[in-house]
Amino acid sequence: NISDGVPAARVSLSLHRLDSQLKLWNMLNLGMTDEDGRCPG
């Protein structure tokens, strides 16, 4: 969060991979950032 100069905690996010034949996004994972703004694993 560059407005406040802090890590952005508790931001939900998702990771997707494109199926190159179907041209559709497949969700691989859901996550949320920790107190340091990171989402491990």
PDB file of all heavy atoms in Angstrom:
ATOM      1  N   ASN A   1       0.878  -1.166   0.000  1.00  0.00           N
ATOM      2  CA  ASN A   1       0.000   0.000   0.000  1.00  0.00           C
ATOM      3  C   ASN A   1       0.916   1.217   0.000  1.00  0.00           C
ATOM      4  O   ASN A   1       1.438   1.605   1.036  1.00  0.00           O
ATOM      5  CB  ASN A   1      -0.891  -0.065   1.251  1.00  0.00           C
ATOM      6  CG  ASN A   1      -1.665   1.205   1.508  1.00  0.00           C
ATOM      7  OD1 ASN A   1      -1.370   2.268   0.966  1.00  0.00           O
ATOM      8  ND2 ASN A   1      -2.651   1.104   2.390  1.00  0.00           N
ATOM      9  N   ILE A   2       1.119   1.798  -1.180  1.00  0.00           N
ATOM     10  CA  ILE A   2       2.057   2.912  -1.275  1.00  0.00           C
ATOM     11  C   ILE A   2       1.426   4.232  -0.834  1.00  0.00           C
ATOM     12  O   ILE A   2       2.135   5.205  -0.645  1.00  0.00           O
ATOM     13  CB  ILE A   2       2.685   3.017  -2.684  1.00  0.00           C
ATOM     14  CG1 ILE A   2       1.628   3.240  -3.750  1.00  0.00           C
ATOM     15  CG2 ILE A   2       3.521   1.779  -2.980  1.00  0.00           C
ATOM     16  CD1 ILE A   2       2.197   3.526  -5.126  1.00  0.00           C
ATOM     17  N   SER A   3       0.116   4.265  -0.655  1.00  0.00           N
ATOM     18  CA  SER A   3      -0.526   5.471  -0.107  1.00  0.00           C
ATOM     19  C   SER A   3      -0.104   5.695   1.330  1.00  0.00           C
ATOM     20  O   SER A   3       0.124   6.827   1.757  1.00  0.00           O
ATOM     21  CB  SER A   3      -2.056   5.344  -0.152  1.00  0.00           C
ATOM     22  OG  SER A   3      -2.520   5.337  -1.468  1.00  0.00           O
ATOM     23  N   ASP A   4      -0.025   4.605   2.091  1.00  0.00           N
ATOM     24  CA  ASP A   4       0.306   4.690   3.510  1.00  0.00           C
ATOM     25  C   ASP A   4       1.719   4.208   3.815  1.00  0.00           C
ATOM     26  O   ASP A   4       2.161   4.277   4.962  1.00  0.00           O
ATOM     27  CB  ASP A   4      -0.690   3.862   4.330  1.00  0.00           C
ATOM     28  CG  ASP A   4      -2.119   4.351   4.151  1.00  0.00           C
ATOM     29  OD1 ASP A   4      -2.319   5.573   4.002  1.00  0.00           O
ATOM     30  OD2 ASP A   4      -3.039   3.508   4.154  1.00  0.00           O
ATOM     31  N   GLY A   5       2.406   3.668   2.810  1.00  0.00           N
ATOM     32  CA  GLY A   5       3.767   3.183   3.010  1.00  0.00           C
ATOM     33  C   GLY A   5       3.849   1.942   3.875  1.00  0.00           C
ATOM     34  O   GLY A   5       4.780   1.799   4.665  1.00  0.00           O
ATOM     35  N   VAL A   6       2.864   1.032   3.706  1.00  0.00           N
ATOM     36  CA  VAL A   6       2.817  -0.192   4.518  1.00  0.00           C
ATOM     37  C   VAL A   6       2.515  -1.394   3.638  1.00  0.00           C
ATOM     38  O   VAL A   6       1.955  -1.256   2.544  1.00  0.00           O
ATOM     39  CB  VAL A   6       1.738  -0.093   5.632  1.00  0.00           C
ATOM     40  CG1 VAL A   6       2.064   1.027   6.610  1.00  0.00           C
ATOM     41  CG2 VAL A   6       0.346   0.094   5.033  1.00  0.00           C
ATOM     42  N   PRO A   7       2.849  -2.595   4.107  1.00  0.00           N
ATOM     43  CA  PRO A   7       2.405  -3.798   3.393  1.00  0.00           C
ATOM     44  C   PRO A   7       0.876  -3.861   3.410  1.00  0.00           C
ATOM     45  O   PRO A   7       0.240  -3.422   4.369  1.00  0.00           O
ATOM     46  CB  PRO A   7       3.002  -4.947   4.214  1.00  0.00           C
ATOM     47  CG  PRO A   7       4.110  -4.337   4.994  1.00  0.00           C
ATOM     48  CD  PRO A   7       3.696  -2.927   5.261  1.00  0.00           C
ATOM     49  N   ALA A   8       0.298  -4.396   2.351  1.00  0.00           N
ATOM     50  CA  ALA A   8      -1.164  -4.541   2.262  1.00  0.00           C
ATOM     51  C   ALA A   8      -1.552  -5.930   2.769  1.00  0.00           C
ATOM     52  O   ALA A   8      -1.413  -6.923   2.064  1.00  0.00           O
ATOM     53  CB  ALA A   8      -1.633  -4.334   0.825  1.00  0.00           C
ATOM     54  N   ALA A   9      -2.006  -5.987   4.006  1.00  0.00           N
ATOM     55  CA  ALA A   9      -2.395  -7.250   4.636  1.00  0.00           C
ATOM     56  C   ALA A   9      -3.837  -7.599   4.282  1.00  0.00           C
ATOM     57  O   ALA A   9      -4.666  -6.717   4.081  1.00  0.00           O
ATOM     58  CB  ALA A   9      -2.244  -7.143   6.150  1.00  0.00           C
ATOM     59  N   ARG A  10      -4.094  -8.876   4.193  1.00  0.00           N
ATOM     60  CA  ARG A  10      -5.433  -9.426   3.960  1.00  0.00           C
ATOM     61  C   ARG A  10      -6.015  -9.030   2.591  1.00  0.00           C
ATOM     62  O   ARG A  10      -7.204  -8.764   2.471  1.00  0.00           O
ATOM     63  CB  ARG A  10      -6.382  -9.060   5.104  1.00  0.00           C
ATOM     64  CG  ARG A  10      -5.989  -9.721   6.426  1.00  0.00           C
ATOM     65  CD  ARG A  10      -6.813  -9.272   7.613  1.00  0.00           C
ATOM     66  NE  ARG A  10      -6.713  -7.837   7.884  1.00  0.00           N
ATOM     67  CZ  ARG A  10      -5.669  -7.227   8.432  1.00  0.00           C
ATOM     68  NH1 ARG A  10      -4.608  -7.923   8.771  1.00  0.00           N
ATOM     69  NH2 ARG A  10      -5.670  -5.929   8.648  1.00  0.00           N
ATOM     70  N   VAL A  11      -5.166  -9.024   1.569  1.00  0.00           N
ATOM     71  CA  VAL A  11      -5.644  -8.852   0.187  1.00  0.00           C
ATOM     72  C   VAL A  11      -5.883 -10.243  -0.376  1.00  0.00           C
ATOM     73  O   VAL A  11      -4.971 -11.064  -0.438  1.00  0.00           O
ATOM     74  CB  VAL A  11      -4.623  -8.094  -0.688  1.00  0.00           C
ATOM     75  CG1 VAL A  11      -5.093  -8.045  -2.141  1.00  0.00           C
ATOM     76  CG2 VAL A  11      -4.363  -6.697  -0.143  1.00  0.00           C
ATOM     77  N   SER A  12      -7.122 -10.514  -0.782  1.00  0.00           N
ATOM     78  CA  SER A  12      -7.435 -11.796  -1.424  1.00  0.00           C
ATOM     79  C   SER A  12      -6.868 -11.791  -2.833  1.00  0.00           C
ATOM     80  O   SER A  12      -6.874 -10.761  -3.517  1.00  0.00           O
ATOM     81  CB  SER A  12      -8.948 -12.008  -1.481  1.00  0.00           C
ATOM     82  OG  SER A  12      -9.479 -12.101  -0.184  1.00  0.00           O
ATOM     83  N   LEU A  13      -6.393 -12.957  -3.251  1.00  0.00           N
ATOM     84  CA  LEU A  13      -5.864 -13.069  -4.610  1.00  0.00           C
ATOM     85  C   LEU A  13      -6.088 -14.482  -5.131  1.00  0.00           C
ATOM     86  O   LEU A  13      -6.376 -15.405  -4.368  1.00  0.00           O
ATOM     87  CB  LEU A  13      -4.385 -12.682  -4.656  1.00  0.00           C
ATOM     88  CG  LEU A  13      -3.405 -13.445  -3.765  1.00  0.00           C
ATOM     89  CD1 LEU A  13      -2.816 -14.627  -4.506  1.00  0.00           C
ATOM     90  CD2 LEU A  13      -2.306 -12.512  -3.325  1.00  0.00           C
ATOM     91  N   SER A  14      -5.981 -14.612  -6.433  1.00  0.00           N
ATOM     92  CA  SER A  14      -6.124 -15.926  -7.063  1.00  0.00           C
ATOM     93  C   SER A  14      -5.105 -16.059  -8.182  1.00  0.00           C
ATOM     94  O   SER A  14      -4.724 -15.083  -8.818  1.00  0.00           O
ATOM     95  CB  SER A  14      -7.548 -16.125  -7.601  1.00  0.00           C
ATOM     96  OG  SER A  14      -7.914 -15.083  -8.480  1.00  0.00           O
ATOM     97  N   LEU A  15      -4.654 -17.299  -8.382  1.00  0.00           N
ATOM     98  CA  LEU A  15      -3.696 -17.629  -9.434  1.00  0.00           C
ATOM     99  C   LEU A  15      -4.390 -18.495 -10.463  1.00  0.00           C
ATOM    100  O   LEU A  15      -5.079 -19.455 -10.107  1.00  0.00           O
ATOM    101  CB  LEU A  15      -2.488 -18.366  -8.845  1.00  0.00           C
ATOM    102  CG  LEU A  15      -1.450 -18.872  -9.854  1.00  0.00           C
ATOM    103  CD1 LEU A  15      -0.776 -17.711 -10.583  1.00  0.00           C
ATOM    104  CD2 LEU A  15      -0.413 -19.749  -9.158  1.00  0.00           C
ATOM    105  N   HIS A  16      -4.209 -18.155 -11.735  1.00  0.00           N
ATOM    106  CA  HIS A  16      -4.855 -18.860 -12.841  1.00  0.00           C
ATOM    107  C   HIS A  16      -3.813 -19.192 -13.908  1.00  0.00           C
ATOM    108  O   HIS A  16      -2.833 -18.469 -14.063  1.00  0.00           O
ATOM    109  CB  HIS A  16      -5.929 -17.976 -13.485  1.00  0.00           C
ATOM    110  CG  HIS A  16      -6.888 -17.389 -12.509  1.00  0.00           C
ATOM    111  ND1 HIS A  16      -8.162 -17.850 -12.357  1.00  0.00           N
ATOM    112  CD2 HIS A  16      -6.759 -16.374 -11.625  1.00  0.00           C
ATOM    113  CE1 HIS A  16      -8.781 -17.145 -11.431  1.00  0.00           C
ATOM    114  NE2 HIS A  16      -7.943 -16.243 -10.973  1.00  0.00           N
ATOM    115  N   ARG A  17      -4.071 -20.265 -14.677  1.00  0.00           N
ATOM    116  CA  ARG A  17      -3.241 -20.597 -15.839  1.00  0.00           C
ATOM    117  C   ARG A  17      -4.170 -20.709 -17.046  1.00  0.00           C
ATOM    118  O   ARG A  17      -5.251 -21.283 -16.958  1.00  0.00           O
ATOM    119  CB  ARG A  17      -2.468 -21.892 -15.648  1.00  0.00           C
ATOM    120  CG  ARG A  17      -1.545 -22.211 -16.822  1.00  0.00           C
ATOM    121  CD  ARG A  17      -0.586 -23.387 -16.629  1.00  0.00           C
ATOM    122  NE  ARG A  17      -1.166 -24.497 -15.925  1.00  0.00           N
ATOM    123  CZ  ARG A  17      -0.631 -25.058 -14.833  1.00  0.00           C
ATOM    124  NH1 ARG A  17       0.481 -24.605 -14.315  1.00  0.00           N
ATOM    125  NH2 ARG A  17      -1.207 -26.080 -14.263  1.00  0.00           N
ATOM    126  N   LEU A  18      -3.732 -20.202 -18.180  1.00  0.00           N
ATOM    127  CA  LEU A  18      -4.531 -20.249 -19.405  1.00  0.00           C
ATOM    128  C   LEU A  18      -4.432 -21.617 -20.046  1.00  0.00           C
ATOM    129  O   LEU A  18      -3.333 -22.133 -20.281  1.00  0.00           O
ATOM    130  CB  LEU A  18      -4.053 -19.184 -20.390  1.00  0.00           C
ATOM    131  CG  LEU A  18      -4.863 -19.058 -21.677  1.00  0.00           C
ATOM    132  CD1 LEU A  18      -6.275 -18.557 -21.391  1.00  0.00           C
ATOM    133  CD2 LEU A  18      -4.158 -18.134 -22.653  1.00  0.00           C
ATOM    134  N   ASP A  19      -5.570 -22.222 -20.328  1.00  0.00           N
ATOM    135  CA  ASP A  19      -5.625 -23.442 -21.134  1.00  0.00           C
ATOM    136  C   ASP A  19      -5.463 -22.989 -22.582  1.00  0.00           C
ATOM    137  O   ASP A  19      -6.358 -22.352 -23.146  1.00  0.00           O
ATOM    138  CB  ASP A  19      -6.959 -24.163 -20.931  1.00  0.00           C
ATOM    139  CG  ASP A  19      -7.056 -25.455 -21.717  1.00  0.00           C
ATOM    140  OD1 ASP A  19      -6.711 -25.456 -22.921  1.00  0.00           O
ATOM    141  OD2 ASP A  19      -7.493 -26.460 -21.139  1.00  0.00           O
ATOM    142  N   SER A  20      -4.311 -23.281 -23.181  1.00  0.00           N
ATOM    143  CA  SER A  20      -3.996 -22.748 -24.503  1.00  0.00           C
ATOM    144  C   SER A  20      -4.890 -23.295 -25.607  1.00  0.00           C
ATOM    145  O   SER A  20      -5.060 -22.657 -26.635  1.00  0.00           O
ATOM    146  CB  SER A  20      -2.528 -22.997 -24.842  1.00  0.00           C
ATOM    147  OG  SER A  20      -2.252 -24.381 -24.819  1.00  0.00           O
ATOM    148  N   GLN A  21      -5.489 -24.461 -25.395  1.00  0.00           N
ATOM    149  CA  GLN A  21      -6.377 -25.006 -26.427  1.00  0.00           C
ATOM    150  C   GLN A  21      -7.789 -24.456 -26.297  1.00  0.00           C
ATOM    151  O   GLN A  21      -8.402 -24.076 -27.283  1.00  0.00           O
ATOM    152  CB  GLN A  21      -6.392 -26.526 -26.360  1.00  0.00           C
ATOM    153  CG  GLN A  21      -5.063 -27.118 -26.775  1.00  0.00           C
ATOM    154  CD  GLN A  21      -5.103 -28.624 -26.868  1.00  0.00           C
ATOM    155  OE1 GLN A  21      -6.041 -29.265 -26.429  1.00  0.00           O
ATOM    156  NE2 GLN A  21      -4.063 -29.188 -27.452  1.00  0.00           N
ATOM    157  N   LEU A  22      -8.318 -24.400 -25.079  1.00  0.00           N
ATOM    158  CA  LEU A  22      -9.681 -23.914 -24.866  1.00  0.00           C
ATOM    159  C   LEU A  22      -9.773 -22.400 -24.729  1.00  0.00           C
ATOM    160  O   LEU A  22     -10.847 -21.826 -24.800  1.00  0.00           O
ATOM    161  CB  LEU A  22     -10.287 -24.563 -23.617  1.00  0.00           C
ATOM    162  CG  LEU A  22     -10.464 -26.074 -23.659  1.00  0.00           C
ATOM    163  CD1 LEU A  22     -10.989 -26.572 -22.325  1.00  0.00           C
ATOM    164  CD2 LEU A  22     -11.394 -26.473 -24.788  1.00  0.00           C
ATOM    165  N   LYS A  23      -8.604 -21.755 -24.517  1.00  0.00           N
ATOM    166  CA  LYS A  23      -8.536 -20.299 -24.305  1.00  0.00           C
ATOM    167  C   LYS A  23      -9.375 -19.875 -23.103  1.00  0.00           C
ATOM    168  O   LYS A  23     -10.039 -18.837 -23.115  1.00  0.00           O
ATOM    169  CB  LYS A  23      -8.976 -19.527 -25.564  1.00  0.00           C
ATOM    170  CG  LYS A  23      -8.176 -19.859 -26.802  1.00  0.00           C
ATOM    171  CD  LYS A  23      -6.738 -19.472 -26.632  1.00  0.00           C
ATOM    172  CE  LYS A  23      -5.966 -19.735 -27.912  1.00  0.00           C
ATOM    173  NZ  LYS A  23      -4.581 -20.010 -27.702  1.00  0.00           N
ATOM    174  N   LEU A  24      -9.322 -20.692 -22.042  1.00  0.00           N
ATOM    175  CA  LEU A  24     -10.033 -20.414 -20.795  1.00  0.00           C
ATOM    176  C   LEU A  24      -9.037 -20.393 -19.649  1.00  0.00           C
ATOM    177  O   LEU A  24      -8.075 -21.164 -19.638  1.00  0.00           O
ATOM    178  CB  LEU A  24     -11.090 -21.490 -20.508  1.00  0.00           C
ATOM    179  CG  LEU A  24     -12.238 -21.610 -21.488  1.00  0.00           C
ATOM    180  CD1 LEU A  24     -13.082 -22.831 -21.157  1.00  0.00           C
ATOM    181  CD2 LEU A  24     -13.091 -20.355 -21.451  1.00  0.00           C
ATOM    182  N   TRP A  25      -9.299 -19.524 -18.667  1.00  0.00           N
ATOM    183  CA  TRP A  25      -8.463 -19.457 -17.480  1.00  0.00           C
ATOM    184  C   TRP A  25      -8.915 -20.509 -16.481  1.00  0.00           C
ATOM    185  O   TRP A  25     -10.099 -20.589 -16.154  1.00  0.00           O
ATOM    186  CB  TRP A  25      -8.552 -18.084 -16.823  1.00  0.00           C
ATOM    187  CG  TRP A  25      -7.896 -17.000 -17.615  1.00  0.00           C
ATOM    188  CD1 TRP A  25      -8.507 -16.042 -18.363  1.00  0.00           C
ATOM    189  CD2 TRP A  25      -6.494 -16.761 -17.747  1.00  0.00           C
ATOM    190  NE1 TRP A  25      -7.577 -15.228 -18.947  1.00  0.00           N
ATOM    191  CE2 TRP A  25      -6.333 -15.643 -18.582  1.00  0.00           C
ATOM    192  CE3 TRP A  25      -5.358 -17.391 -17.231  1.00  0.00           C
ATOM    193  CZ2 TRP A  25      -5.078 -15.126 -18.909  1.00  0.00           C
ATOM    194  CZ3 TRP A  25      -4.111 -16.879 -17.559  1.00  0.00           C
ATOM    195  CH2 TRP A  25      -3.977 -15.756 -18.397  1.00  0.00           C
ATOM    196  N   ASN A  26      -7.980 -21.306 -15.979  1.00  0.00           N
ATOM    197  CA  ASN A  26      -8.251 -22.298 -14.930  1.00  0.00           C
ATOM    198  C   ASN A  26      -7.650 -21.805 -13.617  1.00  0.00           C
ATOM    199  O   ASN A  26      -6.459 -21.496 -13.561  1.00  0.00           O
ATOM    200  CB  ASN A  26      -7.624 -23.654 -15.284  1.00  0.00           C
ATOM    201  CG  ASN A  26      -8.274 -24.262 -16.501  1.00  0.00           C
ATOM    202  OD1 ASN A  26      -9.486 -24.324 -16.601  1.00  0.00           O
ATOM    203  ND2 ASN A  26      -7.458 -24.703 -17.441  1.00  0.00           N
ATOM    204  N   MET A  27      -8.487 -21.723 -12.585  1.00  0.00           N
ATOM    205  CA  MET A  27      -7.988 -21.291 -11.288  1.00  0.00           C
ATOM    206  C   MET A  27      -7.137 -22.394 -10.679  1.00  0.00           C
ATOM    207  O   MET A  27      -7.548 -23.549 -10.618  1.00  0.00           O
ATOM    208  CB  MET A  27      -9.121 -20.927 -10.337  1.00  0.00           C
ATOM    209  CG  MET A  27      -8.591 -20.311  -9.063  1.00  0.00           C
ATOM    210  SD  MET A  27      -9.835 -19.931  -7.807  1.00  0.00           S
ATOM    211  CE  MET A  27     -11.066 -19.097  -8.727  1.00  0.00           C
ATOM    212  N   LEU A  28      -5.945 -22.012 -10.216  1.00  0.00           N
ATOM    213  CA  LEU A  28      -5.017 -22.957  -9.598  1.00  0.00           C
ATOM    214  C   LEU A  28      -5.001 -22.848  -8.082  1.00  0.00           C
ATOM    215  O   LEU A  28      -4.773 -23.839  -7.391  1.00  0.00           O
ATOM    216  CB  LEU A  28      -3.599 -22.733 -10.125  1.00  0.00           C
ATOM    217  CG  LEU A  28      -3.400 -22.835 -11.627  1.00  0.00           C
ATOM    218  CD1 LEU A  28      -1.967 -22.494 -11.991  1.00  0.00           C
ATOM    219  CD2 LEU A  28      -3.781 -24.217 -12.120  1.00  0.00           C
ATOM    220  N   ASN A  29      -5.198 -21.621  -7.571  1.00  0.00           N
ATOM    221  CA  ASN A  29      -5.071 -21.424  -6.137  1.00  0.00           C
ATOM    222  C   ASN A  29      -5.730 -20.122  -5.711  1.00  0.00           C
ATOM    223  O   ASN A  29      -5.829 -19.184  -6.504  1.00  0.00           O
ATOM    224  CB  ASN A  29      -3.591 -21.391  -5.738  1.00  0.00           C
ATOM    225  CG  ASN A  29      -3.349 -21.779  -4.304  1.00  0.00           C
ATOM    226  OD1 ASN A  29      -4.269 -21.870  -3.510  1.00  0.00           O
ATOM    227  ND2 ASN A  29      -2.091 -22.009  -3.972  1.00  0.00           N
ATOM    228  N   LEU A  30      -6.158 -20.099  -4.463  1.00  0.00           N
ATOM    229  CA  LEU A  30      -6.666 -18.898  -3.808  1.00  0.00           C
ATOM    230  C   LEU A  30      -5.747 -18.597  -2.640  1.00  0.00           C
ATOM    231  O   LEU A  30      -5.208 -19.515  -2.013  1.00  0.00           O
ATOM    232  CB  LEU A  30      -8.083 -19.115  -3.276  1.00  0.00           C
ATOM    233  CG  LEU A  30      -9.180 -19.340  -4.304  1.00  0.00           C
ATOM    234  CD1 LEU A  30     -10.458 -19.777  -3.612  1.00  0.00           C
ATOM    235  CD2 LEU A  30      -9.414 -18.065  -5.093  1.00  0.00           C
ATOM    236  N   GLY A  31      -5.577 -17.343  -2.328  1.00  0.00           N
ATOM    237  CA  GLY A  31      -4.742 -16.990  -1.196  1.00  0.00           C
ATOM    238  C   GLY A  31      -5.107 -15.634  -0.641  1.00  0.00           C
ATOM    239  O   GLY A  31      -5.988 -14.943  -1.157  1.00  0.00           O
ATOM    240  N   MET A  32      -4.403 -15.267   0.422  1.00  0.00           N
ATOM    241  CA  MET A  32      -4.577 -13.957   1.049  1.00  0.00           C
ATOM    242  C   MET A  32      -3.219 -13.516   1.579  1.00  0.00           C
ATOM    243  O   MET A  32      -2.469 -14.334   2.121  1.00  0.00           O
ATOM    244  CB  MET A  32      -5.590 -14.037   2.186  1.00  0.00           C
ATOM    245  CG  MET A  32      -5.856 -12.701   2.846  1.00  0.00           C
ATOM    246  SD  MET A  32      -7.195 -12.780   4.047  1.00  0.00           S
ATOM    247  CE  MET A  32      -8.595 -12.863   2.943  1.00  0.00           C
ATOM    248  N   THR A  33      -2.927 -12.243   1.424  1.00  0.00           N
ATOM    249  CA  THR A  33      -1.644 -11.750   1.906  1.00  0.00           C
ATOM    250  C   THR A  33      -1.609 -11.752   3.434  1.00  0.00           C
ATOM    251  O   THR A  33      -2.621 -11.547   4.094  1.00  0.00           O
ATOM    252  CB  THR A  33      -1.349 -10.334   1.383  1.00  0.00           C
ATOM    253  OG1 THR A  33      -2.383  -9.443   1.797  1.00  0.00           O
ATOM    254  CG2 THR A  33      -1.216 -10.325  -0.130  1.00  0.00           C
ATOM    255  N   ASP A  34      -0.412 -11.981   3.958  1.00  0.00           N
ATOM    256  CA  ASP A  34      -0.214 -11.969   5.402  1.00  0.00           C
ATOM    257  C   ASP A  34       0.062 -10.530   5.861  1.00  0.00           C
ATOM    258  O   ASP A  34      -0.062  -9.576   5.084  1.00  0.00           O
ATOM    259  CB  ASP A  34       0.907 -12.941   5.790  1.00  0.00           C
ATOM    260  CG  ASP A  34       2.256 -12.605   5.162  1.00  0.00           C
ATOM    261  OD1 ASP A  34       2.456 -11.461   4.683  1.00  0.00           O
ATOM    262  OD2 ASP A  34       3.129 -13.495   5.143  1.00  0.00           O
ATOM    263  N   GLU A  35       0.449 -10.369   7.105  1.00  0.00           N
ATOM    264  CA  GLU A  35       0.690  -9.035   7.667  1.00  0.00           C
ATOM    265  C   GLU A  35       1.842  -8.305   6.982  1.00  0.00           C
ATOM    266  O   GLU A  35       1.928  -7.079   7.059  1.00  0.00           O
ATOM    267  CB  GLU A  35       0.952  -9.135   9.172  1.00  0.00           C
ATOM    268  CG  GLU A  35      -0.265  -9.588   9.970  1.00  0.00           C
ATOM    269  CD  GLU A  35      -1.458  -8.671   9.799  1.00  0.00           C
ATOM    270  OE1 GLU A  35      -1.301  -7.432   9.898  1.00  0.00           O
ATOM    271  OE2 GLU A  35      -2.570  -9.188   9.556  1.00  0.00           O
ATOM    272  N   ASP A  36       2.706  -9.049   6.298  1.00  0.00           N
ATOM    273  CA  ASP A  36       3.820  -8.449   5.576  1.00  0.00           C
ATOM    274  C   ASP A  36       3.502  -8.234   4.094  1.00  0.00           C
ATOM    275  O   ASP A  36       4.369  -7.893   3.307  1.00  0.00           O
ATOM    276  CB  ASP A  36       5.068  -9.337   5.737  1.00  0.00           C
ATOM    277  CG  ASP A  36       6.351  -8.611   5.388  1.00  0.00           C
ATOM    278  OD1 ASP A  36       6.458  -7.396   5.668  1.00  0.00           O
ATOM    279  OD2 ASP A  36       7.251  -9.245   4.815  1.00  0.00           O
ATOM    280  N   GLY A  37       2.235  -8.481   3.711  1.00  0.00           N
ATOM    281  CA  GLY A  37       1.816  -8.292   2.322  1.00  0.00           C
ATOM    282  C   GLY A  37       2.205  -9.424   1.391  1.00  0.00           C
ATOM    283  O   GLY A  37       2.064  -9.310   0.178  1.00  0.00           O
ATOM    284  N   ARG A  38       2.674 -10.536   1.958  1.00  0.00           N
ATOM    285  CA  ARG A  38       3.120 -11.669   1.141  1.00  0.00           C
ATOM    286  C   ARG A  38       2.089 -12.791   1.156  1.00  0.00           C
ATOM    287  O   ARG A  38       1.317 -12.920   2.096  1.00  0.00           O
ATOM    288  CB  ARG A  38       4.455 -12.202   1.664  1.00  0.00           C
ATOM    289  CG  ARG A  38       5.566 -11.174   1.617  1.00  0.00           C
ATOM    290  CD  ARG A  38       6.871 -11.714   2.198  1.00  0.00           C
ATOM    291  NE  ARG A  38       7.864 -10.684   2.355  1.00  0.00           N
ATOM    292  CZ  ARG A  38       8.676 -10.246   1.397  1.00  0.00           C
ATOM    293  NH1 ARG A  38       8.603 -10.780   0.199  1.00  0.00           N
ATOM    294  NH2 ARG A  38       9.550  -9.283   1.630  1.00  0.00           N
ATOM    295  N   CYS A  39       2.142 -13.602   0.109  1.00  0.00           N
ATOM    296  CA  CYS A  39       1.255 -14.770   0.009  1.00  0.00           C
ATOM    297  C   CYS A  39       2.103 -15.972  -0.375  1.00  0.00           C
ATOM    298  O   CYS A  39       2.301 -16.262  -1.558  1.00  0.00           O
ATOM    299  CB  CYS A  39       0.163 -14.516  -1.020  1.00  0.00           C
ATOM    300  SG  CYS A  39      -1.064 -15.831  -1.098  1.00  0.00           S
ATOM    301  N   PRO A  40       2.624 -16.670   0.626  1.00  0.00           N
ATOM    302  CA  PRO A  40       3.511 -17.811   0.331  1.00  0.00           C
ATOM    303  C   PRO A  40       2.737 -19.020  -0.186  1.00  0.00           C
ATOM    304  O   PRO A  40       1.529 -19.138   0.013  1.00  0.00           O
ATOM    305  CB  PRO A  40       4.155 -18.109   1.692  1.00  0.00           C
ATOM    306  CG  PRO A  40       3.159 -17.627   2.690  1.00  0.00           C
ATOM    307  CD  PRO A  40       2.473 -16.452   2.059  1.00  0.00           C
ATOM    308  N   GLY A  41       3.454 -19.909  -0.859  1.00  0.00           N
ATOM    309  CA  GLY A  41       2.877 -21.183  -1.275  1.00  0.00           C
ATOM    310  C   GLY A  41       1.869 -21.109  -2.396  1.00  0.00           C
ATOM    311  O   GLY A  41       0.927 -21.896  -2.443  1.00  0.00           O
TER     312      GLY A  41
END
